[in-house]
Amino acid sequence: MSSRFSEESAVAAEYQEKLEQLQNELALAQYEAQKWKEKYLVEKRRRQNTAKDLLDLVVRTERYPSGFNNGTCDPGTIAGPGDASSLFRYGLQCC
């Protein structure tokens, strides 16, 4: 009887160990998924800002093409006051 009890106890301990291992793996997978999600959202936001800045640049150059055509490049002409930094943030220059 005690032999059977010790076998059951060993099996239970084995299952408990496996359960804890799987719970740890699940926690690690959830942590990694959260980190990837955060990276994805940062990259998505960066791409949205880039697209917005490029669209803004296209719209402004269509409205004020003279800064590009006559060789006089005034960032204030292309971008409004305070906007020049967003245009040149990605290395975009008109001259």
PDB file of N, CA and C in Angstrom:
ATOM      1  N   MET A   1       0.813  -1.188   0.000  1.00  0.00           N
ATOM      2  CA  MET A   1       0.000   0.000   0.000  1.00  0.00           C
ATOM      3  C   MET A   1       0.864   1.262   0.000  1.00  0.00           C
ATOM      4  N   SER A   2       1.920   1.239   0.801  1.00  0.00           N
ATOM      5  CA  SER A   2       2.781   2.418   0.850  1.00  0.00           C
ATOM      6  C   SER A   2       3.556   2.590  -0.448  1.00  0.00           C
ATOM      7  N   SER A   3       3.824   1.479  -1.129  1.00  0.00           N
ATOM      8  CA  SER A   3       4.512   1.545  -2.412  1.00  0.00           C
ATOM      9  C   SER A   3       3.626   2.244  -3.439  1.00  0.00           C
ATOM     10  N   ARG A   4       2.362   1.901  -3.421  1.00  0.00           N
ATOM     11  CA  ARG A   4       1.415   2.515  -4.351  1.00  0.00           C
ATOM     12  C   ARG A   4       1.265   4.001  -4.042  1.00  0.00           C
ATOM     13  N   PHE A   5       1.218   4.337  -2.761  1.00  0.00           N
ATOM     14  CA  PHE A   5       1.095   5.727  -2.341  1.00  0.00           C
ATOM     15  C   PHE A   5       2.318   6.537  -2.768  1.00  0.00           C
ATOM     16  N   SER A   6       3.494   5.975  -2.635  1.00  0.00           N
ATOM     17  CA  SER A   6       4.709   6.692  -3.031  1.00  0.00           C
ATOM     18  C   SER A   6       4.775   6.866  -4.546  1.00  0.00           C
ATOM     19  N   GLU A   7       4.266   5.885  -5.298  1.00  0.00           N
ATOM     20  CA  GLU A   7       4.220   6.021  -6.763  1.00  0.00           C
ATOM     21  C   GLU A   7       3.272   7.146  -7.156  1.00  0.00           C
ATOM     22  N   GLU A   8       2.102   7.183  -6.521  1.00  0.00           N
ATOM     23  CA  GLU A   8       1.136   8.246  -6.811  1.00  0.00           C
ATOM     24  C   GLU A   8       1.703   9.607  -6.420  1.00  0.00           C
ATOM     25  N   SER A   9       2.403   9.642  -5.316  1.00  0.00           N
ATOM     26  CA  SER A   9       3.012  10.883  -4.864  1.00  0.00           C
ATOM     27  C   SER A   9       4.085  11.357  -5.851  1.00  0.00           C
ATOM     28  N   ALA A  10       4.862  10.428  -6.365  1.00  0.00           N
ATOM     29  CA  ALA A  10       5.897  10.770  -7.342  1.00  0.00           C
ATOM     30  C   ALA A  10       5.269  11.275  -8.633  1.00  0.00           C
ATOM     31  N   VAL A  11       4.182  10.625  -9.062  1.00  0.00           N
ATOM     32  CA  VAL A  11       3.485  11.054 -10.281  1.00  0.00           C
ATOM     33  C   VAL A  11       2.884  12.441 -10.069  1.00  0.00           C
ATOM     34  N   ALA A  12       2.288  12.658  -8.897  1.00  0.00           N
ATOM     35  CA  ALA A  12       1.704  13.967  -8.593  1.00  0.00           C
ATOM     36  C   ALA A  12       2.782  15.048  -8.574  1.00  0.00           C
ATOM     37  N   ALA A  13       3.919  14.744  -8.002  1.00  0.00           N
ATOM     38  CA  ALA A  13       5.021  15.710  -7.965  1.00  0.00           C
ATOM     39  C   ALA A  13       5.525  16.004  -9.375  1.00  0.00           C
ATOM     40  N   GLU A  14       5.565  14.977 -10.200  1.00  0.00           N
ATOM     41  CA  GLU A  14       5.999  15.151 -11.591  1.00  0.00           C
ATOM     42  C   GLU A  14       5.022  16.050 -12.347  1.00  0.00           C
ATOM     43  N   TYR A  15       3.717  15.792 -12.161  1.00  0.00           N
ATOM     44  CA  TYR A  15       2.709  16.629 -12.808  1.00  0.00           C
ATOM     45  C   TYR A  15       2.766  18.063 -12.283  1.00  0.00           C
ATOM     46  N   GLN A  16       2.989  18.217 -10.987  1.00  0.00           N
ATOM     47  CA  GLN A  16       3.086  19.554 -10.394  1.00  0.00           C
ATOM     48  C   GLN A  16       4.276  20.314 -10.985  1.00  0.00           C
ATOM     49  N   GLU A  17       5.388  19.638 -11.131  1.00  0.00           N
ATOM     50  CA  GLU A  17       6.585  20.254 -11.713  1.00  0.00           C
ATOM     51  C   GLU A  17       6.331  20.665 -13.160  1.00  0.00           C
ATOM     52  N   LYS A  18       5.676  19.795 -13.913  1.00  0.00           N
ATOM     53  CA  LYS A  18       5.352  20.095 -15.315  1.00  0.00           C
ATOM     54  C   LYS A  18       4.390  21.282 -15.393  1.00  0.00           C
ATOM     55  N   LEU A  19       3.409  21.309 -14.488  1.00  0.00           N
ATOM     56  CA  LEU A  19       2.451  22.414 -14.450  1.00  0.00           C
ATOM     57  C   LEU A  19       3.165  23.739 -14.179  1.00  0.00           C
ATOM     58  N   GLU A  20       4.058  23.754 -13.206  1.00  0.00           N
ATOM     59  CA  GLU A  20       4.806  24.970 -12.892  1.00  0.00           C
ATOM     60  C   GLU A  20       5.681  25.404 -14.062  1.00  0.00           C
ATOM     61  N   GLN A  21       6.285  24.453 -14.738  1.00  0.00           N
ATOM     62  CA  GLN A  21       7.115  24.769 -15.904  1.00  0.00           C
ATOM     63  C   GLN A  21       6.264  25.404 -17.003  1.00  0.00           C
ATOM     64  N   LEU A  22       5.091  24.834 -17.257  1.00  0.00           N
ATOM     65  CA  LEU A  22       4.210  25.382 -18.289  1.00  0.00           C
ATOM     66  C   LEU A  22       3.684  26.763 -17.897  1.00  0.00           C
ATOM     67  N   GLN A  23       3.399  26.960 -16.616  1.00  0.00           N
ATOM     68  CA  GLN A  23       2.943  28.274 -16.163  1.00  0.00           C
ATOM     69  C   GLN A  23       4.043  29.318 -16.338  1.00  0.00           C
ATOM     70  N   ASN A  24       5.279  28.932 -16.052  1.00  0.00           N
ATOM     71  CA  ASN A  24       6.405  29.851 -16.258  1.00  0.00           C
ATOM     72  C   ASN A  24       6.594  30.179 -17.738  1.00  0.00           C
ATOM     73  N   GLU A  25       6.462  29.171 -18.591  1.00  0.00           N
ATOM     74  CA  GLU A  25       6.585  29.403 -20.034  1.00  0.00           C
ATOM     75  C   GLU A  25       5.472  30.315 -20.535  1.00  0.00           C
ATOM     76  N   LEU A  26       4.261  30.117 -20.009  1.00  0.00           N
ATOM     77  CA  LEU A  26       3.138  30.974 -20.393  1.00  0.00           C
ATOM     78  C   LEU A  26       3.391  32.416 -19.961  1.00  0.00           C
ATOM     79  N   ALA A  27       3.855  32.601 -18.738  1.00  0.00           N
ATOM     80  CA  ALA A  27       4.143  33.952 -18.248  1.00  0.00           C
ATOM     81  C   ALA A  27       5.223  34.620 -19.101  1.00  0.00           C
ATOM     82  N   LEU A  28       6.252  33.877 -19.464  1.00  0.00           N
ATOM     83  CA  LEU A  28       7.314  34.421 -20.310  1.00  0.00           C
ATOM     84  C   LEU A  28       6.777  34.783 -21.693  1.00  0.00           C
ATOM     85  N   ALA A  29       5.953  33.916 -22.263  1.00  0.00           N
ATOM     86  CA  ALA A  29       5.373  34.187 -23.585  1.00  0.00           C
ATOM     87  C   ALA A  29       4.480  35.426 -23.539  1.00  0.00           C
ATOM     88  N   GLN A  30       3.706  35.584 -22.469  1.00  0.00           N
ATOM     89  CA  GLN A  30       2.850  36.767 -22.337  1.00  0.00           C
ATOM     90  C   GLN A  30       3.691  38.036 -22.196  1.00  0.00           C
ATOM     91  N   TYR A  31       4.776  37.955 -21.442  1.00  0.00           N
ATOM     92  CA  TYR A  31       5.676  39.096 -21.273  1.00  0.00           C
ATOM     93  C   TYR A  31       6.295  39.485 -22.614  1.00  0.00           C
ATOM     94  N   GLU A  32       6.790  38.488 -23.347  1.00  0.00           N
ATOM     95  CA  GLU A  32       7.397  38.765 -24.653  1.00  0.00           C
ATOM     96  C   GLU A  32       6.371  39.332 -25.628  1.00  0.00           C
ATOM     97  N   ALA A  33       5.149  38.811 -25.590  1.00  0.00           N
ATOM     98  CA  ALA A  33       4.097  39.323 -26.471  1.00  0.00           C
ATOM     99  C   ALA A  33       3.795  40.782 -26.149  1.00  0.00           C
ATOM    100  N   GLN A  34       3.772  41.126 -24.877  1.00  0.00           N
ATOM    101  CA  GLN A  34       3.522  42.511 -24.479  1.00  0.00           C
ATOM    102  C   GLN A  34       4.638  43.426 -24.972  1.00  0.00           C
ATOM    103  N   LYS A  35       5.876  42.980 -24.864  1.00  0.00           N
ATOM    104  CA  LYS A  35       7.005  43.788 -25.337  1.00  0.00           C
ATOM    105  C   LYS A  35       6.934  43.989 -26.852  1.00  0.00           C
ATOM    106  N   TRP A  36       6.606  42.928 -27.593  1.00  0.00           N
ATOM    107  CA  TRP A  36       6.473  43.046 -29.050  1.00  0.00           C
ATOM    108  C   TRP A  36       5.327  43.984 -29.408  1.00  0.00           C
ATOM    109  N   LYS A  37       4.234  43.918 -28.650  1.00  0.00           N
ATOM    110  CA  LYS A  37       3.100  44.802 -28.906  1.00  0.00           C
ATOM    111  C   LYS A  37       3.512  46.259 -28.690  1.00  0.00           C
ATOM    112  N   GLU A  38       4.261  46.519 -27.621  1.00  0.00           N
ATOM    113  CA  GLU A  38       4.732  47.878 -27.367  1.00  0.00           C
ATOM    114  C   GLU A  38       5.634  48.362 -28.496  1.00  0.00           C
ATOM    115  N   LYS A  39       6.545  47.503 -28.960  1.00  0.00           N
ATOM    116  CA  LYS A  39       7.422  47.874 -30.075  1.00  0.00           C
ATOM    117  C   LYS A  39       6.606  48.149 -31.336  1.00  0.00           C
ATOM    118  N   TYR A  40       5.597  47.313 -31.580  1.00  0.00           N
ATOM    119  CA  TYR A  40       4.740  47.493 -32.747  1.00  0.00           C
ATOM    120  C   TYR A  40       4.027  48.844 -32.681  1.00  0.00           C
ATOM    121  N   LEU A  41       3.483  49.177 -31.511  1.00  0.00           N
ATOM    122  CA  LEU A  41       2.754  50.432 -31.386  1.00  0.00           C
ATOM    123  C   LEU A  41       3.669  51.642 -31.549  1.00  0.00           C
ATOM    124  N   VAL A  42       4.896  51.550 -31.039  1.00  0.00           N
ATOM    125  CA  VAL A  42       5.862  52.640 -31.218  1.00  0.00           C
ATOM    126  C   VAL A  42       6.191  52.801 -32.701  1.00  0.00           C
ATOM    127  N   GLU A  43       6.442  51.689 -33.380  1.00  0.00           N
ATOM    128  CA  GLU A  43       6.757  51.742 -34.811  1.00  0.00           C
ATOM    129  C   GLU A  43       5.566  52.247 -35.619  1.00  0.00           C
ATOM    130  N   LYS A  44       4.366  51.824 -35.256  1.00  0.00           N
ATOM    131  CA  LYS A  44       3.158  52.280 -35.947  1.00  0.00           C
ATOM    132  C   LYS A  44       3.005  53.792 -35.789  1.00  0.00           C
ATOM    133  N   ARG A  45       3.204  54.292 -34.574  1.00  0.00           N
ATOM    134  CA  ARG A  45       3.109  55.726 -34.316  1.00  0.00           C
ATOM    135  C   ARG A  45       4.177  56.482 -35.103  1.00  0.00           C
ATOM    136  N   ARG A  46       5.398  55.937 -35.160  1.00  0.00           N
ATOM    137  CA  ARG A  46       6.482  56.584 -35.903  1.00  0.00           C
ATOM    138  C   ARG A  46       6.144  56.662 -37.386  1.00  0.00           C
ATOM    139  N   ARG A  47       5.613  55.571 -37.928  1.00  0.00           N
ATOM    140  CA  ARG A  47       5.254  55.564 -39.349  1.00  0.00           C
ATOM    141  C   ARG A  47       4.100  56.514 -39.642  1.00  0.00           C
ATOM    142  N   GLN A  48       3.137  56.592 -38.730  1.00  0.00           N
ATOM    143  CA  GLN A  48       2.034  57.529 -38.920  1.00  0.00           C
ATOM    144  C   GLN A  48       2.549  58.964 -38.930  1.00  0.00           C
ATOM    145  N   ASN A  49       3.459  59.268 -38.009  1.00  0.00           N
ATOM    146  CA  ASN A  49       4.029  60.619 -37.970  1.00  0.00           C
ATOM    147  C   ASN A  49       4.833  60.914 -39.228  1.00  0.00           C
ATOM    148  N   THR A  50       5.591  59.946 -39.709  1.00  0.00           N
ATOM    149  CA  THR A  50       6.359  60.129 -40.939  1.00  0.00           C
ATOM    150  C   THR A  50       5.425  60.379 -42.118  1.00  0.00           C
ATOM    151  N   ALA A  51       4.378  59.575 -42.228  1.00  0.00           N
ATOM    152  CA  ALA A  51       3.422  59.747 -43.324  1.00  0.00           C
ATOM    153  C   ALA A  51       2.741  61.109 -43.231  1.00  0.00           C
ATOM    154  N   LYS A  52       2.374  61.509 -42.022  1.00  0.00           N
ATOM    155  CA  LYS A  52       1.735  62.807 -41.834  1.00  0.00           C
ATOM    156  C   LYS A  52       2.683  63.934 -42.222  1.00  0.00           C
ATOM    157  N   ASP A  53       3.942  63.838 -41.794  1.00  0.00           N
ATOM    158  CA  ASP A  53       4.924  64.867 -42.142  1.00  0.00           C
ATOM    159  C   ASP A  53       5.171  64.929 -43.647  1.00  0.00           C
ATOM    160  N   LEU A  54       5.261  63.774 -44.286  1.00  0.00           N
ATOM    161  CA  LEU A  54       5.481  63.760 -45.738  1.00  0.00           C
ATOM    162  C   LEU A  54       4.272  64.306 -46.486  1.00  0.00           C
ATOM    163  N   LEU A  55       3.074  63.950 -46.043  1.00  0.00           N
ATOM    164  CA  LEU A  55       1.870  64.486 -46.667  1.00  0.00           C
ATOM    165  C   LEU A  55       1.810  65.995 -46.472  1.00  0.00           C
ATOM    166  N   ASP A  56       2.142  66.445 -45.278  1.00  0.00           N
ATOM    167  CA  ASP A  56       2.169  67.876 -45.001  1.00  0.00           C
ATOM    168  C   ASP A  56       3.176  68.578 -45.911  1.00  0.00           C
ATOM    169  N   LEU A  57       4.326  67.961 -46.112  1.00  0.00           N
ATOM    170  CA  LEU A  57       5.344  68.522 -46.996  1.00  0.00           C
ATOM    171  C   LEU A  57       4.827  68.624 -48.429  1.00  0.00           C
ATOM    172  N   VAL A  58       4.168  67.576 -48.908  1.00  0.00           N
ATOM    173  CA  VAL A  58       3.631  67.591 -50.269  1.00  0.00           C
ATOM    174  C   VAL A  58       2.575  68.676 -50.411  1.00  0.00           C
ATOM    175  N   VAL A  59       1.677  68.769 -49.450  1.00  0.00           N
ATOM    176  CA  VAL A  59       0.617  69.779 -49.516  1.00  0.00           C
ATOM    177  C   VAL A  59       1.214  71.177 -49.485  1.00  0.00           C
ATOM    178  N   ARG A  60       2.181  71.393 -48.616  1.00  0.00           N
ATOM    179  CA  ARG A  60       2.783  72.728 -48.516  1.00  0.00           C
ATOM    180  C   ARG A  60       3.589  73.078 -49.766  1.00  0.00           C
ATOM    181  N   THR A  61       4.270  72.109 -50.363  1.00  0.00           N
ATOM    182  CA  THR A  61       5.038  72.420 -51.575  1.00  0.00           C
ATOM    183  C   THR A  61       4.107  72.656 -52.754  1.00  0.00           C
ATOM    184  N   GLU A  62       2.920  72.038 -52.731  1.00  0.00           N
ATOM    185  CA  GLU A  62       1.953  72.325 -53.795  1.00  0.00           C
ATOM    186  C   GLU A  62       1.393  73.728 -53.629  1.00  0.00           C
ATOM    187  N   ARG A  63       1.229  74.163 -52.397  1.00  0.00           N
ATOM    188  CA  ARG A  63       0.715  75.512 -52.144  1.00  0.00           C
ATOM    189  C   ARG A  63       1.778  76.575 -52.389  1.00  0.00           C
ATOM    190  N   TYR A  64       3.014  76.285 -51.990  1.00  0.00           N
ATOM    191  CA  TYR A  64       4.101  77.261 -52.072  1.00  0.00           C
ATOM    192  C   TYR A  64       5.289  76.659 -52.813  1.00  0.00           C
ATOM    193  N   PRO A  65       5.167  76.417 -54.104  1.00  0.00           N
ATOM    194  CA  PRO A  65       6.273  75.787 -54.833  1.00  0.00           C
ATOM    195  C   PRO A  65       7.430  76.739 -55.121  1.00  0.00           C
ATOM    196  N   SER A  66       7.268  78.039 -54.906  1.00  0.00           N
ATOM    197  CA  SER A  66       8.308  78.995 -55.286  1.00  0.00           C
ATOM    198  C   SER A  66       9.605  78.774 -54.518  1.00  0.00           C
ATOM    199  N   GLY A  67       9.542  78.305 -53.307  1.00  0.00           N
ATOM    200  CA  GLY A  67      10.758  78.064 -52.530  1.00  0.00           C
ATOM    201  C   GLY A  67      11.642  77.028 -53.184  1.00  0.00           C
ATOM    202  N   PHE A  68      11.053  76.113 -53.927  1.00  0.00           N
ATOM    203  CA  PHE A  68      11.822  75.079 -54.602  1.00  0.00           C
ATOM    204  C   PHE A  68      12.217  75.506 -56.013  1.00  0.00           C
ATOM    205  N   ASN A  69      11.387  76.290 -56.654  1.00  0.00           N
ATOM    206  CA  ASN A  69      11.606  76.600 -58.067  1.00  0.00           C
ATOM    207  C   ASN A  69      12.698  77.638 -58.309  1.00  0.00           C
ATOM    208  N   ASN A  70      12.761  78.681 -57.492  1.00  0.00           N
ATOM    209  CA  ASN A  70      13.716  79.739 -57.798  1.00  0.00           C
ATOM    210  C   ASN A  70      15.022  79.613 -57.024  1.00  0.00           C
ATOM    211  N   GLY A  71      15.207  78.517 -56.329  1.00  0.00           N
ATOM    212  CA  GLY A  71      16.477  78.279 -55.657  1.00  0.00           C
ATOM    213  C   GLY A  71      16.594  78.929 -54.295  1.00  0.00           C
ATOM    214  N   THR A  72      15.616  79.710 -53.908  1.00  0.00           N
ATOM    215  CA  THR A  72      15.658  80.300 -52.568  1.00  0.00           C
ATOM    216  C   THR A  72      14.880  79.398 -51.639  1.00  0.00           C
ATOM    217  N   CYS A  73      15.572  78.838 -50.745  1.00  0.00           N
ATOM    218  CA  CYS A  73      14.960  77.867 -49.849  1.00  0.00           C
ATOM    219  C   CYS A  73      14.785  78.501 -48.490  1.00  0.00           C
ATOM    220  N   ASP A  74      13.573  78.852 -48.162  1.00  0.00           N
ATOM    221  CA  ASP A  74      13.267  79.402 -46.851  1.00  0.00           C
ATOM    222  C   ASP A  74      12.346  78.419 -46.144  1.00  0.00           C
ATOM    223  N   PRO A  75      12.827  77.754 -45.089  1.00  0.00           N
ATOM    224  CA  PRO A  75      11.978  76.781 -44.406  1.00  0.00           C
ATOM    225  C   PRO A  75      10.668  77.381 -43.926  1.00  0.00           C
ATOM    226  N   GLY A  76      10.646  78.685 -43.654  1.00  0.00           N
ATOM    227  CA  GLY A  76       9.402  79.329 -43.254  1.00  0.00           C
ATOM    228  C   GLY A  76       8.387  79.352 -44.379  1.00  0.00           C
ATOM    229  N   THR A  77       8.853  79.327 -45.640  1.00  0.00           N
ATOM    230  CA  THR A  77       7.946  79.288 -46.781  1.00  0.00           C
ATOM    231  C   THR A  77       7.302  77.920 -46.907  1.00  0.00           C
ATOM    232  N   ILE A  78       8.086  76.901 -46.683  1.00  0.00           N
ATOM    233  CA  ILE A  78       7.589  75.534 -46.827  1.00  0.00           C
ATOM    234  C   ILE A  78       6.771  75.129 -45.616  1.00  0.00           C
ATOM    235  N   ALA A  79       7.271  75.462 -44.451  1.00  0.00           N
ATOM    236  CA  ALA A  79       6.593  75.108 -43.211  1.00  0.00           C
ATOM    237  C   ALA A  79       6.257  76.383 -42.474  1.00  0.00           C
ATOM    238  N   GLY A  80       5.198  76.331 -41.743  1.00  0.00           N
ATOM    239  CA  GLY A  80       4.830  77.482 -40.943  1.00  0.00           C
ATOM    240  C   GLY A  80       5.811  77.665 -39.803  1.00  0.00           C
ATOM    241  N   PRO A  81       5.681  78.760 -39.076  1.00  0.00           N
ATOM    242  CA  PRO A  81       6.585  78.987 -37.950  1.00  0.00           C
ATOM    243  C   PRO A  81       6.495  77.828 -36.957  1.00  0.00           C
ATOM    244  N   GLY A  82       7.633  77.303 -36.584  1.00  0.00           N
ATOM    245  CA  GLY A  82       7.659  76.197 -35.632  1.00  0.00           C
ATOM    246  C   GLY A  82       7.522  74.830 -36.270  1.00  0.00           C
ATOM    247  N   ASP A  83       7.195  74.763 -37.555  1.00  0.00           N
ATOM    248  CA  ASP A  83       7.019  73.479 -38.233  1.00  0.00           C
ATOM    249  C   ASP A  83       8.277  73.006 -38.938  1.00  0.00           C
ATOM    250  N   ALA A  84       9.257  73.877 -39.097  1.00  0.00           N
ATOM    251  CA  ALA A  84      10.449  73.511 -39.869  1.00  0.00           C
ATOM    252  C   ALA A  84      11.155  72.310 -39.267  1.00  0.00           C
ATOM    253  N   SER A  85      11.151  72.212 -37.947  1.00  0.00           N
ATOM    254  CA  SER A  85      11.860  71.085 -37.329  1.00  0.00           C
ATOM    255  C   SER A  85      11.219  69.757 -37.710  1.00  0.00           C
ATOM    256  N   SER A  86       9.892  69.735 -37.870  1.00  0.00           N
ATOM    257  CA  SER A  86       9.251  68.472 -38.243  1.00  0.00           C
ATOM    258  C   SER A  86       9.606  68.080 -39.669  1.00  0.00           C
ATOM    259  N   LEU A  87       9.817  69.060 -40.541  1.00  0.00           N
ATOM    260  CA  LEU A  87      10.163  68.743 -41.921  1.00  0.00           C
ATOM    261  C   LEU A  87      11.593  68.245 -42.042  1.00  0.00           C
ATOM    262  N   PHE A  88      12.480  68.806 -41.243  1.00  0.00           N
ATOM    263  CA  PHE A  88      13.885  68.457 -41.352  1.00  0.00           C
ATOM    264  C   PHE A  88      14.290  67.361 -40.373  1.00  0.00           C
ATOM    265  N   ARG A  89      13.335  66.861 -39.624  1.00  0.00           N
ATOM    266  CA  ARG A  89      13.604  65.800 -38.656  1.00  0.00           C
ATOM    267  C   ARG A  89      14.119  64.554 -39.352  1.00  0.00           C
ATOM    268  N   TYR A  90      13.649  64.285 -40.542  1.00  0.00           N
ATOM    269  CA  TYR A  90      14.036  63.073 -41.267  1.00  0.00           C
ATOM    270  C   TYR A  90      15.120  63.357 -42.298  1.00  0.00           C
ATOM    271  N   GLY A  91      15.748  64.514 -42.196  1.00  0.00           N
ATOM    272  CA  GLY A  91      16.820  64.848 -43.116  1.00  0.00           C
ATOM    273  C   GLY A  91      16.311  65.421 -44.430  1.00  0.00           C
ATOM    274  N   LEU A  92      15.056  65.850 -44.472  1.00  0.00           N
ATOM    275  CA  LEU A  92      14.506  66.437 -45.690  1.00  0.00           C
ATOM    276  C   LEU A  92      14.974  67.881 -45.784  1.00  0.00           C
ATOM    277  N   GLN A  93      15.569  68.212 -46.901  1.00  0.00           N
ATOM    278  CA  GLN A  93      16.020  69.573 -47.116  1.00  0.00           C
ATOM    279  C   GLN A  93      15.614  69.989 -48.514  1.00  0.00           C
ATOM    280  N   CYS A  94      15.311  71.251 -48.650  1.00  0.00           N
ATOM    281  CA  CYS A  94      14.854  71.700 -49.955  1.00  0.00           C
ATOM    282  C   CYS A  94      15.988  72.233 -50.815  1.00  0.00           C
ATOM    283  N   CYS A  95      17.131  72.498 -50.285  1.00  0.00           N
ATOM    284  CA  CYS A  95      18.246  73.033 -51.075  1.00  0.00           C
ATOM    285  C   CYS A  95      19.372  72.037 -51.131  1.00  0.00           C
TER     286      CYS A  95
END
